[in-house]
Amino acid sequence: QVQLVESGGGLVQAGDSLRLSCAASGRAFSTYAMGWFRQAPGKEREFVAGISRNGSTYYTDSVRGRFSISRDNAKNTVYQQMNSLKPEDTAVYYCAAAAYGLASSARGAYDYWGQGTQVTVSS
């Protein structure tokens, strides 16, 4: 089974930037669609960004223009660059992998999930 490990979270001030990384195991990383989700206290887990095997990207409206998802297949790693962070971005961020199909905003489309990394943005 695919293992996903997130890193790069931390405590920053509003307006700062962070880069999240998600390292994946397995030999078929380049065939997976990858996504980032987040869950804030008291809120449901929501889609943030996705990237297909071909590099097409998708973003939720609240992060479009500020966040950028990318992948490095040689390193089995997906990244999320987060700029102009806002307090409302505070959440646990989860990496997810879909073994089949294109990137999707639906949680059910993803087969594997990491344990999450905390991002806290202070005012």
N, C-alpha and C. Protein backbone atom coordinates (compact mmCIF):
# COMPACT_ATOMS: atom_id res chain seq x y z
N GLN A 1 0.83 -1.18 0.00
CA GLN A 1 0.00 0.00 0.00
C GLN A 1 0.88 1.25 0.00
N VAL A 2 0.40 2.31 -0.63
CA VAL A 2 1.16 3.55 -0.74
C VAL A 2 1.20 4.25 0.61
N GLN A 3 2.38 4.71 0.98
CA GLN A 3 2.57 5.49 2.20
C GLN A 3 2.85 6.94 1.83
N LEU A 4 2.18 7.87 2.51
CA LEU A 4 2.35 9.29 2.27
C LEU A 4 2.76 9.98 3.56
N VAL A 5 3.79 10.80 3.50
CA VAL A 5 4.29 11.50 4.67
C VAL A 5 4.41 12.98 4.35
N GLU A 6 3.64 13.80 5.07
CA GLU A 6 3.68 15.25 4.88
C GLU A 6 4.72 15.89 5.78
N SER A 7 5.25 17.01 5.34
CA SER A 7 6.16 17.80 6.14
C SER A 7 6.09 19.25 5.69
N GLY A 8 6.66 20.14 6.48
CA GLY A 8 6.76 21.53 6.10
C GLY A 8 5.80 22.47 6.80
N GLY A 9 4.89 21.93 7.60
CA GLY A 9 3.98 22.78 8.33
C GLY A 9 4.69 23.54 9.43
N GLY A 10 3.99 24.49 10.03
CA GLY A 10 4.56 25.27 11.10
C GLY A 10 3.70 26.44 11.47
N LEU A 11 4.26 27.29 12.31
CA LEU A 11 3.59 28.49 12.79
C LEU A 11 4.18 29.70 12.08
N VAL A 12 3.34 30.46 11.40
CA VAL A 12 3.77 31.65 10.68
C VAL A 12 2.79 32.78 10.93
N GLN A 13 3.20 33.97 10.53
CA GLN A 13 2.33 35.13 10.63
C GLN A 13 1.57 35.35 9.33
N ALA A 14 0.45 36.03 9.43
CA ALA A 14 -0.32 36.36 8.23
C ALA A 14 0.56 37.07 7.22
N GLY A 15 0.44 36.66 5.96
CA GLY A 15 1.25 37.21 4.89
C GLY A 15 2.49 36.42 4.58
N ASP A 16 2.87 35.51 5.47
CA ASP A 16 4.06 34.69 5.26
C ASP A 16 3.78 33.54 4.29
N SER A 17 4.82 32.78 4.00
CA SER A 17 4.73 31.66 3.08
C SER A 17 5.24 30.38 3.72
N LEU A 18 4.73 29.27 3.25
CA LEU A 18 5.19 27.94 3.63
C LEU A 18 5.17 27.05 2.40
N ARG A 19 6.03 26.06 2.39
CA ARG A 19 5.99 25.03 1.37
C ARG A 19 5.82 23.67 2.03
N LEU A 20 4.72 23.02 1.72
CA LEU A 20 4.46 21.68 2.21
C LEU A 20 5.01 20.66 1.23
N SER A 21 5.49 19.55 1.77
CA SER A 21 5.97 18.45 0.95
C SER A 21 5.24 17.18 1.34
N CYS A 22 5.05 16.31 0.38
CA CYS A 22 4.44 15.02 0.61
C CYS A 22 5.27 13.97 -0.12
N ALA A 23 5.95 13.13 0.64
CA ALA A 23 6.78 12.08 0.08
C ALA A 23 5.98 10.79 0.00
N ALA A 24 6.00 10.15 -1.15
CA ALA A 24 5.21 8.95 -1.39
C ALA A 24 6.11 7.75 -1.63
N SER A 25 5.67 6.61 -1.15
CA SER A 25 6.34 5.36 -1.45
C SER A 25 5.74 4.76 -2.72
N GLY A 26 6.35 3.69 -3.20
CA GLY A 26 5.81 2.99 -4.34
C GLY A 26 6.49 3.33 -5.66
N ARG A 27 6.22 2.51 -6.64
CA ARG A 27 6.85 2.66 -7.95
C ARG A 27 5.98 3.36 -8.97
N ALA A 28 4.73 3.60 -8.62
CA ALA A 28 3.77 4.13 -9.59
C ALA A 28 3.36 5.57 -9.30
N PHE A 29 4.18 6.32 -8.58
CA PHE A 29 3.83 7.68 -8.21
C PHE A 29 3.45 8.53 -9.41
N SER A 30 4.19 8.40 -10.50
CA SER A 30 3.96 9.24 -11.66
C SER A 30 2.59 9.00 -12.30
N THR A 31 1.95 7.90 -11.98
CA THR A 31 0.63 7.60 -12.53
C THR A 31 -0.50 8.08 -11.63
N TYR A 32 -0.19 8.53 -10.42
CA TYR A 32 -1.22 8.94 -9.47
C TYR A 32 -1.60 10.40 -9.65
N ALA A 33 -2.88 10.67 -9.48
CA ALA A 33 -3.31 12.03 -9.23
C ALA A 33 -3.10 12.32 -7.75
N MET A 34 -2.67 13.52 -7.42
CA MET A 34 -2.37 13.88 -6.05
C MET A 34 -3.20 15.08 -5.63
N GLY A 35 -3.51 15.14 -4.35
CA GLY A 35 -4.29 16.25 -3.85
C GLY A 35 -3.88 16.66 -2.45
N TRP A 36 -4.22 17.89 -2.12
CA TRP A 36 -4.07 18.41 -0.77
C TRP A 36 -5.46 18.78 -0.23
N PHE A 37 -5.74 18.34 0.97
CA PHE A 37 -6.95 18.68 1.69
C PHE A 37 -6.56 19.32 3.01
N ARG A 38 -7.51 19.99 3.65
CA ARG A 38 -7.24 20.55 4.96
C ARG A 38 -8.47 20.45 5.84
N GLN A 39 -8.23 20.42 7.13
CA GLN A 39 -9.32 20.37 8.10
C GLN A 39 -9.01 21.30 9.26
N ALA A 40 -9.83 22.31 9.40
CA ALA A 40 -9.71 23.27 10.49
C ALA A 40 -10.54 22.81 11.67
N PRO A 41 -10.24 23.29 12.88
CA PRO A 41 -11.02 22.90 14.05
C PRO A 41 -12.50 23.19 13.87
N GLY A 42 -13.32 22.19 14.12
CA GLY A 42 -14.76 22.34 14.00
C GLY A 42 -15.29 22.34 12.59
N LYS A 43 -14.43 22.12 11.60
CA LYS A 43 -14.84 22.14 10.20
C LYS A 43 -14.64 20.78 9.55
N GLU A 44 -15.32 20.57 8.44
CA GLU A 44 -15.14 19.36 7.67
C GLU A 44 -13.86 19.44 6.84
N ARG A 45 -13.32 18.28 6.51
CA ARG A 45 -12.15 18.25 5.65
C ARG A 45 -12.54 18.74 4.26
N GLU A 46 -11.75 19.65 3.70
CA GLU A 46 -12.07 20.24 2.42
C GLU A 46 -10.91 20.14 1.44
N PHE A 47 -11.27 20.08 0.18
CA PHE A 47 -10.29 20.06 -0.89
C PHE A 47 -9.59 21.40 -1.00
N VAL A 48 -8.28 21.38 -1.21
CA VAL A 48 -7.49 22.59 -1.38
C VAL A 48 -6.93 22.68 -2.80
N ALA A 49 -6.23 21.64 -3.23
CA ALA A 49 -5.58 21.66 -4.54
C ALA A 49 -5.36 20.24 -5.01
N GLY A 50 -5.30 20.08 -6.33
CA GLY A 50 -5.03 18.78 -6.91
C GLY A 50 -4.17 18.91 -8.14
N ILE A 51 -3.46 17.84 -8.47
CA ILE A 51 -2.62 17.81 -9.66
C ILE A 51 -2.73 16.43 -10.30
N SER A 52 -2.96 16.41 -11.60
CA SER A 52 -3.10 15.16 -12.32
C SER A 52 -1.75 14.57 -12.66
N ARG A 53 -1.76 13.37 -13.22
CA ARG A 53 -0.51 12.73 -13.64
C ARG A 53 0.17 13.53 -14.73
N ASN A 54 -0.59 14.31 -15.48
CA ASN A 54 -0.04 15.12 -16.56
C ASN A 54 0.31 16.54 -16.15
N GLY A 55 0.08 16.87 -14.88
CA GLY A 55 0.45 18.17 -14.38
C GLY A 55 -0.64 19.22 -14.38
N SER A 56 -1.85 18.88 -14.79
CA SER A 56 -2.95 19.82 -14.70
C SER A 56 -3.30 20.07 -13.24
N THR A 57 -3.54 21.32 -12.89
CA THR A 57 -3.78 21.69 -11.50
C THR A 57 -5.18 22.23 -11.30
N TYR A 58 -5.66 22.09 -10.06
CA TYR A 58 -6.99 22.52 -9.68
C TYR A 58 -6.93 23.09 -8.28
N TYR A 59 -7.70 24.15 -8.02
CA TYR A 59 -7.67 24.81 -6.73
C TYR A 59 -9.07 25.18 -6.28
N THR A 60 -9.26 25.15 -4.98
CA THR A 60 -10.49 25.70 -4.43
C THR A 60 -10.41 27.22 -4.51
N ASP A 61 -11.55 27.87 -4.61
CA ASP A 61 -11.59 29.31 -4.86
C ASP A 61 -10.83 30.12 -3.82
N SER A 62 -10.87 29.70 -2.58
CA SER A 62 -10.29 30.49 -1.51
C SER A 62 -8.76 30.54 -1.54
N VAL A 63 -8.11 29.64 -2.28
CA VAL A 63 -6.65 29.62 -2.33
C VAL A 63 -6.09 29.92 -3.71
N ARG A 64 -6.94 29.97 -4.71
CA ARG A 64 -6.48 30.20 -6.07
C ARG A 64 -5.75 31.54 -6.16
N GLY A 65 -4.56 31.51 -6.74
CA GLY A 65 -3.73 32.70 -6.83
C GLY A 65 -2.75 32.85 -5.71
N ARG A 66 -2.96 32.12 -4.61
CA ARG A 66 -2.05 32.16 -3.47
C ARG A 66 -1.28 30.86 -3.29
N PHE A 67 -1.94 29.73 -3.57
CA PHE A 67 -1.32 28.43 -3.42
C PHE A 67 -0.95 27.86 -4.78
N SER A 68 0.07 27.03 -4.81
CA SER A 68 0.49 26.38 -6.04
C SER A 68 0.94 24.96 -5.75
N ILE A 69 0.30 23.99 -6.39
CA ILE A 69 0.66 22.60 -6.23
C ILE A 69 1.56 22.18 -7.39
N SER A 70 2.55 21.35 -7.09
CA SER A 70 3.46 20.86 -8.11
C SER A 70 3.93 19.46 -7.72
N ARG A 71 4.58 18.80 -8.65
CA ARG A 71 5.08 17.46 -8.35
C ARG A 71 6.43 17.24 -9.00
N ASP A 72 7.24 16.41 -8.35
CA ASP A 72 8.53 16.00 -8.86
C ASP A 72 8.52 14.49 -8.87
N ASN A 73 8.24 13.91 -10.03
CA ASN A 73 8.10 12.46 -10.11
C ASN A 73 9.41 11.72 -9.83
N ALA A 74 10.54 12.35 -10.13
CA ALA A 74 11.83 11.73 -9.86
C ALA A 74 12.06 11.56 -8.37
N LYS A 75 11.42 12.39 -7.55
CA LYS A 75 11.56 12.33 -6.10
C LYS A 75 10.34 11.75 -5.41
N ASN A 76 9.35 11.31 -6.17
CA ASN A 76 8.11 10.79 -5.59
C ASN A 76 7.52 11.77 -4.58
N THR A 77 7.50 13.03 -4.95
CA THR A 77 7.10 14.07 -4.02
C THR A 77 6.15 15.07 -4.68
N VAL A 78 5.13 15.46 -3.93
CA VAL A 78 4.25 16.54 -4.35
C VAL A 78 4.42 17.69 -3.36
N TYR A 79 4.34 18.91 -3.87
CA TYR A 79 4.54 20.10 -3.06
C TYR A 79 3.31 20.99 -3.09
N GLN A 80 3.19 21.80 -2.08
CA GLN A 80 2.21 22.87 -2.10
C GLN A 80 2.87 24.13 -1.56
N GLN A 81 3.12 25.08 -2.46
CA GLN A 81 3.63 26.38 -2.06
C GLN A 81 2.45 27.24 -1.64
N MET A 82 2.51 27.80 -0.45
CA MET A 82 1.43 28.60 0.10
C MET A 82 1.95 29.99 0.40
N ASN A 83 1.45 30.96 -0.33
CA ASN A 83 1.86 32.35 -0.16
C ASN A 83 0.72 33.18 0.40
N SER A 84 1.06 34.34 0.93
CA SER A 84 0.06 35.27 1.46
C SER A 84 -0.91 34.56 2.39
N LEU A 85 -0.36 33.82 3.32
CA LEU A 85 -1.19 33.02 4.22
C LEU A 85 -2.07 33.90 5.09
N LYS A 86 -3.26 33.39 5.35
CA LYS A 86 -4.26 34.08 6.16
C LYS A 86 -4.60 33.23 7.38
N PRO A 87 -5.08 33.85 8.45
CA PRO A 87 -5.46 33.05 9.62
C PRO A 87 -6.47 31.96 9.29
N GLU A 88 -7.35 32.20 8.34
CA GLU A 88 -8.33 31.19 7.97
C GLU A 88 -7.73 30.00 7.23
N ASP A 89 -6.44 30.07 6.87
CA ASP A 89 -5.75 28.93 6.30
C ASP A 89 -5.29 27.95 7.37
N THR A 90 -5.41 28.32 8.63
CA THR A 90 -4.99 27.45 9.72
C THR A 90 -5.77 26.15 9.69
N ALA A 91 -5.05 25.04 9.64
CA ALA A 91 -5.68 23.73 9.54
C ALA A 91 -4.60 22.67 9.55
N VAL A 92 -5.03 21.42 9.69
CA VAL A 92 -4.16 20.30 9.41
C VAL A 92 -4.28 20.00 7.93
N TYR A 93 -3.16 19.95 7.24
CA TYR A 93 -3.14 19.72 5.80
C TYR A 93 -2.77 18.27 5.52
N TYR A 94 -3.57 17.63 4.69
CA TYR A 94 -3.40 16.22 4.36
C TYR A 94 -3.07 16.05 2.88
N CYS A 95 -2.12 15.18 2.62
CA CYS A 95 -1.78 14.77 1.27
C CYS A 95 -2.57 13.51 0.94
N ALA A 96 -3.02 13.40 -0.31
CA ALA A 96 -3.79 12.24 -0.74
C ALA A 96 -3.38 11.83 -2.14
N ALA A 97 -3.52 10.54 -2.42
CA ALA A 97 -3.16 9.98 -3.72
C ALA A 97 -4.31 9.18 -4.28
N ALA A 98 -4.58 9.38 -5.56
CA ALA A 98 -5.60 8.62 -6.28
C ALA A 98 -4.91 7.71 -7.29
N ALA A 99 -5.13 6.42 -7.16
CA ALA A 99 -4.46 5.46 -8.03
C ALA A 99 -5.02 5.47 -9.44
N TYR A 100 -6.25 5.95 -9.58
CA TYR A 100 -6.91 5.96 -10.88
C TYR A 100 -7.57 7.30 -11.13
N GLY A 101 -7.60 7.69 -12.38
CA GLY A 101 -8.34 8.87 -12.77
C GLY A 101 -7.57 10.16 -12.60
N LEU A 102 -8.25 11.26 -12.89
CA LEU A 102 -7.68 12.59 -12.78
C LEU A 102 -7.85 13.11 -11.36
N ALA A 103 -7.18 14.22 -11.08
CA ALA A 103 -7.35 14.87 -9.79
C ALA A 103 -8.81 15.27 -9.60
N SER A 104 -9.27 15.18 -8.36
CA SER A 104 -10.66 15.46 -8.05
C SER A 104 -10.75 16.19 -6.72
N SER A 105 -11.81 16.97 -6.56
CA SER A 105 -12.08 17.62 -5.29
C SER A 105 -12.81 16.72 -4.31
N ALA A 106 -13.23 15.55 -4.75
CA ALA A 106 -13.99 14.63 -3.92
C ALA A 106 -13.05 13.75 -3.09
N ARG A 107 -13.29 13.72 -1.79
CA ARG A 107 -12.47 12.90 -0.91
C ARG A 107 -12.49 11.43 -1.32
N GLY A 108 -13.64 10.96 -1.79
CA GLY A 108 -13.79 9.56 -2.15
C GLY A 108 -12.98 9.14 -3.35
N ALA A 109 -12.45 10.08 -4.12
CA ALA A 109 -11.64 9.76 -5.28
C ALA A 109 -10.23 9.31 -4.90
N TYR A 110 -9.83 9.55 -3.67
CA TYR A 110 -8.46 9.28 -3.25
C TYR A 110 -8.38 8.00 -2.43
N ASP A 111 -7.36 7.22 -2.71
CA ASP A 111 -7.20 5.91 -2.11
C ASP A 111 -6.28 5.90 -0.90
N TYR A 112 -5.35 6.83 -0.85
CA TYR A 112 -4.33 6.85 0.20
C TYR A 112 -4.21 8.24 0.79
N TRP A 113 -3.98 8.29 2.11
CA TRP A 113 -3.91 9.55 2.83
C TRP A 113 -2.73 9.57 3.78
N GLY A 114 -2.10 10.73 3.91
CA GLY A 114 -1.08 10.92 4.91
C GLY A 114 -1.69 11.25 6.25
N GLN A 115 -0.84 11.43 7.26
CA GLN A 115 -1.29 11.70 8.61
C GLN A 115 -1.51 13.18 8.89
N GLY A 116 -1.05 14.04 7.99
CA GLY A 116 -1.30 15.46 8.11
C GLY A 116 -0.14 16.23 8.72
N THR A 117 -0.09 17.51 8.40
CA THR A 117 0.88 18.42 8.99
C THR A 117 0.16 19.72 9.35
N GLN A 118 0.45 20.23 10.54
CA GLN A 118 -0.26 21.39 11.07
C GLN A 118 0.30 22.68 10.49
N VAL A 119 -0.60 23.52 10.00
CA VAL A 119 -0.26 24.87 9.57
C VAL A 119 -1.06 25.83 10.43
N THR A 120 -0.36 26.72 11.12
CA THR A 120 -1.01 27.71 11.96
C THR A 120 -0.57 29.10 11.53
N VAL A 121 -1.53 29.95 11.21
CA VAL A 121 -1.25 31.30 10.75
C VAL A 121 -1.81 32.28 11.78
N SER A 122 -0.94 33.04 12.40
CA SER A 122 -1.36 33.99 13.42
C SER A 122 -1.71 35.33 12.78
N SER A 123 -2.54 36.10 13.49
CA SER A 123 -2.96 37.41 13.00
C SER A 123 -1.86 38.44 13.15
